[in-house]
């Protein structure tokens, strides 16, 4: 099966379930200041698509290898591996609203929200010029049921990639998880080999 890159047609999900939603809105694209970083991120994210008109695409490093629980990226002086692991509920504090899971270890989480995760993003290894860039676990371990690929009309696809700013000082690691129970996208921003922040939007279908 050939793995392709594509832009899926996605709208915001609607939920008829009434329970406390602790997921944050302040990490989303809409909260970014109007600067070069926002302009860059608009060119490859779904949340920024309305602002991408007329902007030139950034140079992209696609994935080089993937499996059910990992994806590798390699290009130029940059290498990245993302790793997914099984979620063990016995090792975490779980908070519920009625029967719906709303927090893990007193923190919100993303991916099939309201239900027990099966997996979580357990590690990101990012190397630039043989220097390891430390991304804190708090910036990724709350990302659950991450689908690195998805099937569209029988074809396996992925939107994931690393993007480089035109001045070469900033790179963006982008992952998109498509899921019928609630998709999300996340971008980690690295400037001059230092992690800055992430941008996360959810509720796509």
N, C-alpha and C. Protein backbone atom coordinates (compact mmCIF):
# COMPACT_ATOMS: atom_id res chain seq x y z
N UNK A 1 0.84 -1.19 0.00
CA UNK A 1 0.00 0.00 0.00
C UNK A 1 0.88 1.25 0.00
N UNK A 2 0.58 2.19 -0.86
CA UNK A 2 1.37 3.40 -1.00
C UNK A 2 0.90 4.44 0.00
N UNK A 3 1.85 5.08 0.65
CA UNK A 3 1.53 6.13 1.61
C UNK A 3 1.62 7.48 0.93
N UNK A 4 0.54 8.24 0.94
CA UNK A 4 0.47 9.51 0.24
C UNK A 4 0.30 10.66 1.22
N UNK A 5 0.59 11.85 0.75
CA UNK A 5 0.35 13.06 1.51
C UNK A 5 -0.91 13.71 0.96
N UNK A 6 -1.75 14.26 1.82
CA UNK A 6 -2.97 14.86 1.31
C UNK A 6 -3.52 15.90 2.28
N UNK A 7 -4.46 16.68 1.79
CA UNK A 7 -5.19 17.65 2.59
C UNK A 7 -6.62 17.16 2.73
N UNK A 8 -7.00 16.55 3.86
CA UNK A 8 -8.35 16.04 4.02
C UNK A 8 -9.36 17.17 4.18
N UNK A 9 -10.58 16.89 3.80
CA UNK A 9 -11.66 17.85 4.03
C UNK A 9 -12.20 17.60 5.43
N UNK A 10 -12.05 18.60 6.30
CA UNK A 10 -12.35 18.42 7.71
C UNK A 10 -13.17 19.57 8.22
N UNK A 11 -14.17 19.28 9.02
CA UNK A 11 -14.95 20.30 9.68
C UNK A 11 -14.87 20.11 11.18
N UNK A 12 -15.41 21.03 11.91
CA UNK A 12 -15.37 20.91 13.37
C UNK A 12 -16.38 19.89 13.84
N UNK A 13 -15.95 19.07 14.78
CA UNK A 13 -16.80 18.00 15.29
C UNK A 13 -17.88 18.57 16.19
N UNK A 14 -19.01 17.93 16.19
CA UNK A 14 -20.10 18.29 17.07
C UNK A 14 -20.35 17.14 18.03
N UNK A 15 -20.54 17.44 19.29
CA UNK A 15 -20.75 16.39 20.28
C UNK A 15 -22.08 16.61 20.99
N UNK A 16 -22.84 15.52 21.14
CA UNK A 16 -24.11 15.59 21.84
C UNK A 16 -23.96 15.15 23.30
N UNK A 17 -22.73 14.77 23.68
CA UNK A 17 -22.48 14.31 25.04
C UNK A 17 -22.27 15.53 25.94
N UNK A 18 -22.94 15.53 27.09
CA UNK A 18 -22.86 16.66 28.00
C UNK A 18 -22.03 16.27 29.22
N UNK A 19 -20.74 16.67 29.22
CA UNK A 19 -19.90 16.47 30.38
C UNK A 19 -18.80 17.53 30.37
N UNK A 20 -18.10 17.68 31.49
CA UNK A 20 -17.09 18.71 31.63
C UNK A 20 -15.95 18.50 30.63
N UNK A 21 -15.64 19.54 29.88
CA UNK A 21 -14.53 19.49 28.93
C UNK A 21 -13.40 20.35 29.48
N UNK A 22 -12.31 19.72 29.91
CA UNK A 22 -11.20 20.45 30.51
C UNK A 22 -10.09 20.80 29.51
N UNK A 23 -10.29 20.46 28.25
CA UNK A 23 -9.26 20.74 27.24
C UNK A 23 -9.09 22.24 27.05
N UNK A 24 -7.86 22.64 26.78
CA UNK A 24 -7.52 24.05 26.72
C UNK A 24 -7.76 24.63 25.32
N UNK A 25 -8.08 25.91 25.30
CA UNK A 25 -8.20 26.64 24.05
C UNK A 25 -7.04 27.60 23.83
N UNK A 26 -6.24 27.84 24.89
CA UNK A 26 -5.22 28.89 24.80
C UNK A 26 -3.95 28.46 24.07
N UNK A 27 -3.87 27.19 23.64
CA UNK A 27 -2.71 26.73 22.88
C UNK A 27 -2.97 26.73 21.38
N UNK A 28 -4.14 27.14 20.96
CA UNK A 28 -4.53 27.04 19.57
C UNK A 28 -3.92 28.10 18.67
N UNK A 29 -4.03 27.87 17.38
CA UNK A 29 -3.50 28.79 16.38
C UNK A 29 -4.09 30.19 16.53
N UNK A 30 -5.37 30.27 16.83
CA UNK A 30 -6.04 31.57 16.93
C UNK A 30 -5.45 32.45 18.02
N UNK A 31 -4.76 31.85 19.00
CA UNK A 31 -4.17 32.62 20.10
C UNK A 31 -2.76 33.10 19.80
N UNK A 32 -2.20 32.70 18.67
CA UNK A 32 -0.84 33.13 18.34
C UNK A 32 -0.81 34.60 17.98
N UNK A 33 0.22 35.31 18.38
CA UNK A 33 0.36 36.71 17.95
C UNK A 33 0.61 36.76 16.44
N UNK A 34 0.27 37.87 15.84
CA UNK A 34 0.46 38.02 14.40
C UNK A 34 1.92 38.35 14.12
N UNK A 35 2.70 37.31 13.89
CA UNK A 35 4.13 37.47 13.62
C UNK A 35 4.57 36.44 12.59
N UNK A 36 5.87 36.30 12.40
CA UNK A 36 6.38 35.38 11.39
C UNK A 36 6.06 33.92 11.72
N UNK A 37 6.07 33.58 13.00
CA UNK A 37 5.77 32.21 13.40
C UNK A 37 4.33 31.86 13.03
N UNK A 38 3.40 32.74 13.32
CA UNK A 38 2.01 32.50 12.95
C UNK A 38 1.87 32.36 11.43
N UNK A 39 2.55 33.23 10.69
CA UNK A 39 2.49 33.17 9.24
C UNK A 39 3.05 31.85 8.72
N UNK A 40 4.14 31.37 9.33
CA UNK A 40 4.72 30.09 8.93
C UNK A 40 3.75 28.94 9.20
N UNK A 41 3.21 28.90 10.41
CA UNK A 41 2.35 27.78 10.81
C UNK A 41 1.08 27.73 9.98
N UNK A 42 0.62 28.89 9.54
CA UNK A 42 -0.60 28.92 8.71
C UNK A 42 -0.43 28.14 7.42
N UNK A 43 0.80 28.01 6.93
CA UNK A 43 1.02 27.39 5.62
C UNK A 43 0.84 25.88 5.63
N UNK A 44 0.88 25.24 6.81
CA UNK A 44 0.77 23.78 6.81
C UNK A 44 -0.27 23.21 7.77
N UNK A 45 -0.88 24.02 8.60
CA UNK A 45 -1.89 23.50 9.54
C UNK A 45 -3.30 23.66 9.00
N UNK A 46 -4.19 22.84 9.50
CA UNK A 46 -5.60 22.96 9.14
C UNK A 46 -6.23 24.16 9.84
N UNK A 47 -5.80 24.43 11.07
CA UNK A 47 -6.36 25.54 11.83
C UNK A 47 -5.98 26.89 11.23
N UNK A 48 -4.88 26.94 10.48
CA UNK A 48 -4.44 28.20 9.90
C UNK A 48 -4.72 28.33 8.43
N UNK A 49 -5.51 27.43 7.89
CA UNK A 49 -5.69 27.37 6.43
C UNK A 49 -6.28 28.66 5.85
N UNK A 50 -7.12 29.35 6.61
CA UNK A 50 -7.73 30.58 6.11
C UNK A 50 -6.70 31.69 5.91
N UNK A 51 -5.58 31.62 6.64
CA UNK A 51 -4.54 32.64 6.54
C UNK A 51 -3.40 32.22 5.61
N UNK A 52 -3.52 31.05 4.99
CA UNK A 52 -2.44 30.54 4.15
C UNK A 52 -2.50 31.06 2.72
N UNK A 53 -3.62 31.68 2.36
CA UNK A 53 -3.80 32.15 0.99
C UNK A 53 -2.72 33.18 0.64
N UNK A 54 -2.02 32.93 -0.45
CA UNK A 54 -1.00 33.87 -0.91
C UNK A 54 0.36 33.69 -0.29
N UNK A 55 0.47 32.79 0.69
CA UNK A 55 1.76 32.55 1.34
C UNK A 55 2.48 31.39 0.66
N UNK A 56 3.78 31.51 0.50
CA UNK A 56 4.56 30.44 -0.10
C UNK A 56 4.81 29.33 0.91
N UNK A 57 4.88 28.10 0.42
CA UNK A 57 5.07 26.96 1.30
C UNK A 57 6.49 26.94 1.87
N UNK A 58 6.61 26.43 3.10
CA UNK A 58 7.92 26.26 3.70
C UNK A 58 8.56 24.97 3.19
N UNK A 59 9.89 24.92 3.28
CA UNK A 59 10.59 23.70 2.94
C UNK A 59 10.18 22.61 3.92
N UNK A 60 9.87 21.42 3.40
CA UNK A 60 9.36 20.33 4.23
C UNK A 60 10.31 19.14 4.22
N UNK A 61 10.50 18.56 5.41
CA UNK A 61 11.20 17.29 5.55
C UNK A 61 10.13 16.23 5.84
N UNK A 62 9.87 15.34 4.91
CA UNK A 62 8.84 14.32 5.14
C UNK A 62 9.36 13.19 6.02
N UNK A 63 8.46 12.31 6.44
CA UNK A 63 8.90 11.15 7.21
C UNK A 63 9.67 10.20 6.29
N UNK A 64 10.58 9.46 6.89
CA UNK A 64 11.40 8.51 6.13
C UNK A 64 11.05 7.06 6.44
N UNK A 65 10.42 6.85 7.59
CA UNK A 65 10.09 5.50 8.01
C UNK A 65 8.98 5.58 9.05
N UNK A 66 8.11 4.58 9.06
CA UNK A 66 7.05 4.59 10.08
C UNK A 66 6.56 3.18 10.34
N UNK A 67 5.92 3.03 11.50
CA UNK A 67 5.26 1.79 11.88
C UNK A 67 4.05 2.13 12.72
N UNK A 68 3.46 1.13 13.34
CA UNK A 68 2.27 1.38 14.16
C UNK A 68 2.57 2.27 15.36
N UNK A 69 3.82 2.23 15.85
CA UNK A 69 4.14 2.94 17.09
C UNK A 69 5.30 3.92 16.95
N UNK A 70 5.69 4.29 15.73
CA UNK A 70 6.77 5.25 15.57
C UNK A 70 6.72 5.89 14.19
N UNK A 71 7.41 7.04 14.08
CA UNK A 71 7.63 7.68 12.78
C UNK A 71 8.95 8.42 12.85
N UNK A 72 9.78 8.22 11.82
CA UNK A 72 11.08 8.86 11.71
C UNK A 72 11.06 9.92 10.62
N UNK A 73 11.80 11.00 10.87
CA UNK A 73 12.00 12.07 9.89
C UNK A 73 13.50 12.32 9.78
N UNK A 74 13.99 12.52 8.57
CA UNK A 74 15.42 12.79 8.40
C UNK A 74 15.64 13.59 7.12
N UNK A 75 16.35 14.71 7.28
CA UNK A 75 16.66 15.54 6.12
C UNK A 75 17.67 16.59 6.50
N UNK A 76 18.71 16.75 5.68
CA UNK A 76 19.73 17.74 5.99
C UNK A 76 20.38 17.44 7.33
N UNK A 77 20.34 18.40 8.22
CA UNK A 77 20.98 18.25 9.53
C UNK A 77 19.98 17.92 10.64
N UNK A 78 18.77 17.50 10.26
CA UNK A 78 17.71 17.27 11.25
C UNK A 78 17.25 15.82 11.22
N UNK A 79 17.12 15.24 12.42
CA UNK A 79 16.57 13.90 12.56
C UNK A 79 15.58 13.90 13.73
N UNK A 80 14.43 13.29 13.51
CA UNK A 80 13.40 13.24 14.54
C UNK A 80 12.78 11.84 14.57
N UNK A 81 12.51 11.36 15.77
CA UNK A 81 11.72 10.14 15.96
C UNK A 81 10.64 10.42 16.99
N UNK A 82 9.40 10.05 16.65
CA UNK A 82 8.31 10.12 17.62
C UNK A 82 7.90 8.68 17.94
N UNK A 83 7.64 8.42 19.21
CA UNK A 83 7.37 7.07 19.69
C UNK A 83 6.05 7.03 20.45
N UNK A 84 5.24 6.03 20.15
CA UNK A 84 3.96 5.82 20.82
C UNK A 84 4.03 4.55 21.66
N UNK A 85 3.45 4.60 22.87
CA UNK A 85 3.47 3.45 23.77
C UNK A 85 2.07 3.16 24.29
N UNK A 86 1.82 1.91 24.74
CA UNK A 86 0.52 1.58 25.33
C UNK A 86 0.27 2.40 26.59
N UNK A 87 -0.97 2.78 26.80
CA UNK A 87 -1.36 3.52 28.00
C UNK A 87 -1.78 2.52 29.08
N UNK A 88 -1.10 2.58 30.23
CA UNK A 88 -1.39 1.68 31.35
C UNK A 88 -2.17 2.46 32.40
N UNK A 89 -3.46 2.23 32.47
CA UNK A 89 -4.32 3.00 33.37
C UNK A 89 -3.98 2.77 34.84
N UNK A 90 -3.33 1.65 35.16
CA UNK A 90 -3.01 1.36 36.56
C UNK A 90 -1.89 2.27 37.09
N UNK A 91 -1.20 2.97 36.21
CA UNK A 91 -0.09 3.83 36.61
C UNK A 91 -0.47 5.31 36.66
N UNK A 92 -1.76 5.60 36.57
CA UNK A 92 -2.19 6.99 36.50
C UNK A 92 -3.40 7.24 37.40
N UNK A 93 -3.52 8.46 37.84
CA UNK A 93 -4.74 8.92 38.51
C UNK A 93 -5.74 9.31 37.42
N UNK A 94 -6.96 8.83 37.53
CA UNK A 94 -7.99 9.07 36.53
C UNK A 94 -9.16 9.80 37.16
N UNK A 95 -9.54 10.93 36.60
CA UNK A 95 -10.67 11.72 37.10
C UNK A 95 -11.82 11.68 36.11
N UNK A 96 -13.03 11.43 36.63
CA UNK A 96 -14.20 11.26 35.78
C UNK A 96 -15.27 12.31 36.08
N UNK A 97 -16.06 12.62 35.08
CA UNK A 97 -17.32 13.33 35.24
C UNK A 97 -18.39 12.33 34.84
N UNK A 98 -19.09 11.82 35.86
CA UNK A 98 -19.99 10.69 35.66
C UNK A 98 -19.16 9.52 35.14
N UNK A 99 -19.43 9.01 33.96
CA UNK A 99 -18.67 7.87 33.42
C UNK A 99 -17.60 8.30 32.43
N UNK A 100 -17.43 9.61 32.22
CA UNK A 100 -16.52 10.10 31.20
C UNK A 100 -15.19 10.53 31.81
N UNK A 101 -14.11 10.05 31.26
CA UNK A 101 -12.78 10.42 31.72
C UNK A 101 -12.46 11.84 31.25
N UNK A 102 -12.10 12.73 32.19
CA UNK A 102 -11.84 14.12 31.82
C UNK A 102 -10.42 14.57 32.15
N UNK A 103 -9.72 13.86 33.06
CA UNK A 103 -8.34 14.22 33.38
C UNK A 103 -7.52 12.98 33.70
N UNK A 104 -6.24 13.06 33.34
CA UNK A 104 -5.28 12.02 33.67
C UNK A 104 -4.16 12.67 34.47
N UNK A 105 -3.92 12.15 35.65
CA UNK A 105 -2.93 12.75 36.56
C UNK A 105 -3.21 14.23 36.78
N UNK A 106 -4.49 14.56 36.94
CA UNK A 106 -4.98 15.91 37.23
C UNK A 106 -4.81 16.88 36.04
N UNK A 107 -4.50 16.36 34.88
CA UNK A 107 -4.32 17.19 33.69
C UNK A 107 -5.24 16.72 32.57
N UNK A 108 -5.61 17.67 31.71
CA UNK A 108 -6.43 17.29 30.58
C UNK A 108 -5.61 16.51 29.57
N UNK A 109 -6.27 15.90 28.59
CA UNK A 109 -5.57 15.13 27.56
C UNK A 109 -6.33 15.26 26.26
N UNK A 110 -5.73 14.77 25.18
CA UNK A 110 -6.30 14.93 23.84
C UNK A 110 -6.29 13.57 23.12
N UNK A 111 -7.33 13.34 22.34
CA UNK A 111 -7.47 12.09 21.62
C UNK A 111 -8.59 11.25 22.18
N UNK A 112 -9.73 11.17 21.46
CA UNK A 112 -10.92 10.43 21.90
C UNK A 112 -11.29 10.82 23.32
N UNK A 113 -11.39 12.13 23.53
CA UNK A 113 -11.62 12.69 24.86
C UNK A 113 -12.90 12.13 25.48
N UNK A 114 -12.83 11.83 26.78
CA UNK A 114 -13.95 11.26 27.50
C UNK A 114 -13.85 9.77 27.68
N UNK A 115 -12.92 9.15 26.94
CA UNK A 115 -12.75 7.70 27.00
C UNK A 115 -11.32 7.33 27.40
N UNK A 116 -11.15 6.11 27.86
CA UNK A 116 -9.84 5.65 28.29
C UNK A 116 -8.90 5.51 27.08
N UNK A 117 -7.74 6.18 27.12
CA UNK A 117 -6.79 6.05 26.00
C UNK A 117 -6.24 4.63 25.89
N UNK A 118 -5.91 4.27 24.67
CA UNK A 118 -5.21 3.00 24.44
C UNK A 118 -3.71 3.22 24.32
N UNK A 119 -3.31 4.40 23.81
CA UNK A 119 -1.90 4.71 23.65
C UNK A 119 -1.65 6.18 23.99
N UNK A 120 -0.37 6.54 24.10
CA UNK A 120 -0.01 7.94 24.29
C UNK A 120 1.35 8.18 23.63
N UNK A 121 1.64 9.44 23.35
CA UNK A 121 2.93 9.81 22.77
C UNK A 121 3.97 9.81 23.89
N UNK A 122 4.87 8.84 23.85
CA UNK A 122 5.77 8.62 24.99
C UNK A 122 7.13 9.26 24.84
N UNK A 123 7.55 9.59 23.61
CA UNK A 123 8.88 10.17 23.46
C UNK A 123 9.02 10.89 22.11
N UNK A 124 9.75 12.01 22.15
CA UNK A 124 10.17 12.70 20.94
C UNK A 124 11.68 12.91 21.02
N UNK A 125 12.40 12.38 20.06
CA UNK A 125 13.84 12.59 19.97
C UNK A 125 14.12 13.49 18.78
N UNK A 126 14.72 14.65 19.02
CA UNK A 126 14.97 15.63 17.98
C UNK A 126 16.44 16.05 18.02
N UNK A 127 17.14 15.84 16.90
CA UNK A 127 18.57 16.14 16.82
C UNK A 127 18.83 17.08 15.66
N UNK A 128 19.53 18.17 15.94
CA UNK A 128 19.95 19.14 14.92
C UNK A 128 21.46 19.30 15.01
N UNK A 129 22.14 19.05 13.90
CA UNK A 129 23.62 19.16 13.89
C UNK A 129 24.25 18.33 15.01
N UNK A 130 23.73 17.15 15.25
CA UNK A 130 24.22 16.26 16.30
C UNK A 130 23.97 16.77 17.71
N UNK A 131 23.22 17.87 17.84
CA UNK A 131 22.82 18.39 19.15
C UNK A 131 21.38 17.98 19.44
N UNK A 132 21.16 17.38 20.59
CA UNK A 132 19.81 16.96 20.96
C UNK A 132 19.02 18.14 21.52
N UNK A 133 17.84 18.36 20.96
CA UNK A 133 16.94 19.40 21.45
C UNK A 133 15.96 18.75 22.43
N UNK A 134 15.96 19.24 23.66
CA UNK A 134 15.10 18.65 24.69
C UNK A 134 13.70 19.23 24.59
N UNK A 135 12.72 18.36 24.35
CA UNK A 135 11.30 18.74 24.41
C UNK A 135 10.74 18.11 25.68
N UNK A 136 10.23 18.90 26.61
CA UNK A 136 9.78 18.35 27.89
C UNK A 136 8.61 17.39 27.71
N UNK A 137 8.57 16.30 28.47
CA UNK A 137 7.46 15.36 28.37
C UNK A 137 6.08 16.00 28.53
N UNK A 138 6.01 17.09 29.30
CA UNK A 138 4.72 17.77 29.48
C UNK A 138 4.17 18.34 28.18
N UNK A 139 5.03 18.44 27.17
CA UNK A 139 4.61 18.99 25.87
C UNK A 139 4.10 17.91 24.92
N UNK A 140 4.10 16.63 25.37
CA UNK A 140 3.61 15.59 24.46
C UNK A 140 2.93 14.39 25.11
N UNK A 141 3.16 14.12 26.39
CA UNK A 141 2.59 12.90 26.98
C UNK A 141 1.08 12.97 27.20
N UNK A 142 0.49 14.15 27.03
CA UNK A 142 -0.97 14.26 27.13
C UNK A 142 -1.66 14.03 25.79
N UNK A 143 -0.89 13.65 24.77
CA UNK A 143 -1.44 13.37 23.44
C UNK A 143 -1.68 11.88 23.32
N UNK A 144 -2.94 11.51 23.26
CA UNK A 144 -3.33 10.09 23.32
C UNK A 144 -3.97 9.64 22.01
N UNK A 145 -3.95 8.31 21.84
CA UNK A 145 -4.56 7.68 20.65
C UNK A 145 -4.11 8.38 19.37
N UNK A 146 -2.82 8.68 19.30
CA UNK A 146 -2.26 9.40 18.15
C UNK A 146 -2.16 8.48 16.95
N UNK A 147 -2.85 8.84 15.88
CA UNK A 147 -2.78 8.10 14.63
C UNK A 147 -1.80 8.81 13.70
N UNK A 148 -0.69 8.17 13.41
CA UNK A 148 0.33 8.78 12.57
C UNK A 148 -0.05 8.76 11.09
N UNK A 149 -0.93 7.84 10.73
CA UNK A 149 -1.44 7.75 9.36
C UNK A 149 -2.95 7.54 9.40
N UNK A 150 -3.59 7.68 8.27
CA UNK A 150 -5.02 7.40 8.17
C UNK A 150 -5.32 6.92 6.76
N UNK A 151 -6.46 6.27 6.61
CA UNK A 151 -6.86 5.73 5.31
C UNK A 151 -7.94 6.61 4.70
N UNK A 152 -7.74 7.00 3.46
CA UNK A 152 -8.69 7.82 2.73
C UNK A 152 -9.01 7.14 1.41
N UNK A 153 -10.23 6.61 1.30
CA UNK A 153 -10.68 5.91 0.10
C UNK A 153 -9.69 4.81 -0.30
N UNK A 154 -9.25 4.06 0.70
CA UNK A 154 -8.38 2.92 0.45
C UNK A 154 -6.91 3.24 0.34
N UNK A 155 -6.53 4.52 0.44
CA UNK A 155 -5.13 4.91 0.33
C UNK A 155 -4.62 5.39 1.69
N UNK A 156 -3.46 4.89 2.09
CA UNK A 156 -2.86 5.29 3.36
C UNK A 156 -2.19 6.65 3.20
N UNK A 157 -2.51 7.58 4.10
CA UNK A 157 -2.02 8.95 3.96
C UNK A 157 -1.47 9.46 5.28
N UNK A 158 -0.72 10.56 5.19
CA UNK A 158 -0.22 11.26 6.37
C UNK A 158 0.07 12.71 6.01
N UNK A 159 -0.16 13.61 6.96
CA UNK A 159 0.16 15.03 6.78
C UNK A 159 1.41 15.43 7.57
N UNK A 160 2.00 14.50 8.28
CA UNK A 160 3.08 14.81 9.21
C UNK A 160 4.35 15.26 8.49
N UNK A 161 5.11 16.13 9.16
CA UNK A 161 6.36 16.57 8.58
C UNK A 161 7.07 17.58 9.45
N UNK A 162 8.29 17.91 9.06
CA UNK A 162 9.07 18.98 9.68
C UNK A 162 9.18 20.11 8.66
N UNK A 163 8.95 21.32 9.13
CA UNK A 163 9.01 22.49 8.25
C UNK A 163 10.08 23.44 8.75
N UNK A 164 10.80 24.07 7.82
CA UNK A 164 11.87 25.00 8.17
C UNK A 164 11.50 26.42 7.73
N UNK A 165 11.73 27.38 8.62
CA UNK A 165 11.48 28.78 8.28
C UNK A 165 12.49 29.23 7.23
N UNK A 166 12.14 30.28 6.51
CA UNK A 166 13.00 30.75 5.44
C UNK A 166 14.35 31.25 5.94
N UNK A 167 14.39 31.78 7.16
CA UNK A 167 15.68 32.28 7.68
C UNK A 167 16.52 31.18 8.33
N UNK A 168 15.96 29.97 8.43
CA UNK A 168 16.71 28.84 8.96
C UNK A 168 16.83 28.78 10.47
N UNK A 169 16.23 29.73 11.18
CA UNK A 169 16.36 29.76 12.64
C UNK A 169 15.27 28.96 13.36
N UNK A 170 14.18 28.66 12.66
CA UNK A 170 13.05 28.00 13.31
C UNK A 170 12.64 26.76 12.53
N UNK A 171 12.39 25.68 13.25
CA UNK A 171 11.79 24.50 12.63
C UNK A 171 10.51 24.16 13.38
N UNK A 172 9.62 23.50 12.65
CA UNK A 172 8.32 23.14 13.20
C UNK A 172 8.10 21.65 12.98
N UNK A 173 7.88 20.92 14.06
CA UNK A 173 7.51 19.51 13.96
C UNK A 173 5.99 19.42 14.03
N UNK A 174 5.37 18.91 12.97
CA UNK A 174 3.91 18.90 12.86
C UNK A 174 3.39 17.47 12.79
N UNK A 175 2.40 17.16 13.63
CA UNK A 175 1.71 15.87 13.60
C UNK A 175 0.21 16.11 13.55
N UNK A 176 -0.46 15.33 12.72
CA UNK A 176 -1.92 15.39 12.61
C UNK A 176 -2.48 14.01 12.88
N UNK A 177 -3.40 13.92 13.84
CA UNK A 177 -4.04 12.66 14.19
C UNK A 177 -5.49 12.69 13.76
N UNK A 178 -5.83 11.93 12.73
CA UNK A 178 -7.21 11.88 12.23
C UNK A 178 -7.93 10.70 12.86
N UNK A 179 -9.09 10.99 13.44
CA UNK A 179 -9.85 9.98 14.15
C UNK A 179 -11.32 10.36 14.11
N UNK A 180 -12.18 9.41 13.82
CA UNK A 180 -13.61 9.70 13.75
C UNK A 180 -14.18 10.15 15.09
N UNK A 181 -13.46 9.86 16.18
CA UNK A 181 -13.94 10.26 17.51
C UNK A 181 -13.38 11.62 17.92
N UNK A 182 -12.62 12.26 17.02
CA UNK A 182 -12.09 13.59 17.34
C UNK A 182 -10.63 13.73 16.95
N UNK A 183 -10.37 14.44 15.87
CA UNK A 183 -9.00 14.61 15.38
C UNK A 183 -8.34 15.83 16.03
N UNK A 184 -7.01 15.84 16.03
CA UNK A 184 -6.29 17.01 16.53
C UNK A 184 -4.96 17.14 15.79
N UNK A 185 -4.39 18.35 15.85
CA UNK A 185 -3.09 18.61 15.24
C UNK A 185 -2.23 19.36 16.24
N UNK A 186 -0.92 19.11 16.17
CA UNK A 186 -0.01 19.76 17.11
C UNK A 186 1.28 20.11 16.38
N UNK A 187 1.80 21.30 16.67
CA UNK A 187 3.06 21.78 16.11
C UNK A 187 3.98 22.17 17.26
N UNK A 188 5.19 21.60 17.28
CA UNK A 188 6.20 22.00 18.25
C UNK A 188 7.15 22.98 17.57
N UNK A 189 7.43 24.11 18.23
CA UNK A 189 8.26 25.17 17.66
C UNK A 189 9.64 25.12 18.30
N UNK A 190 10.68 25.06 17.46
CA UNK A 190 12.06 25.04 17.94
C UNK A 190 12.81 26.19 17.26
N UNK A 191 13.39 27.07 18.06
CA UNK A 191 14.17 28.19 17.53
C UNK A 191 15.60 28.09 18.01
N UNK A 192 16.54 28.15 17.06
CA UNK A 192 17.96 28.09 17.40
C UNK A 192 18.27 26.95 18.37
N UNK A 193 17.71 25.78 18.04
CA UNK A 193 17.95 24.53 18.78
C UNK A 193 17.38 24.54 20.20
N UNK A 194 16.40 25.40 20.44
CA UNK A 194 15.73 25.42 21.74
C UNK A 194 14.22 25.33 21.56
N UNK A 195 13.60 24.47 22.37
CA UNK A 195 12.15 24.33 22.32
C UNK A 195 11.48 25.58 22.86
N UNK A 196 10.48 26.09 22.13
CA UNK A 196 9.78 27.31 22.52
C UNK A 196 8.40 27.00 23.10
N UNK A 197 7.57 26.32 22.33
CA UNK A 197 6.20 26.02 22.76
C UNK A 197 5.55 25.10 21.73
N UNK A 198 4.32 24.70 22.01
CA UNK A 198 3.55 23.95 21.03
C UNK A 198 2.28 24.72 20.69
N UNK A 199 1.72 24.39 19.54
CA UNK A 199 0.44 24.94 19.11
C UNK A 199 -0.48 23.75 18.85
N UNK A 200 -1.62 23.72 19.52
CA UNK A 200 -2.49 22.55 19.46
C UNK A 200 -3.93 22.97 19.22
N UNK A 201 -4.54 22.33 18.23
CA UNK A 201 -5.96 22.53 17.94
C UNK A 201 -6.64 21.17 17.82
N UNK A 202 -7.89 21.10 18.23
CA UNK A 202 -8.62 19.83 18.23
C UNK A 202 -10.07 20.08 17.81
N UNK A 203 -10.80 18.98 17.65
CA UNK A 203 -12.21 19.07 17.29
C UNK A 203 -12.45 18.95 15.80
N UNK A 204 -11.42 18.53 15.03
CA UNK A 204 -11.61 18.31 13.60
C UNK A 204 -12.23 16.94 13.39
N UNK A 205 -13.00 16.81 12.32
CA UNK A 205 -13.53 15.50 11.93
C UNK A 205 -13.28 15.30 10.45
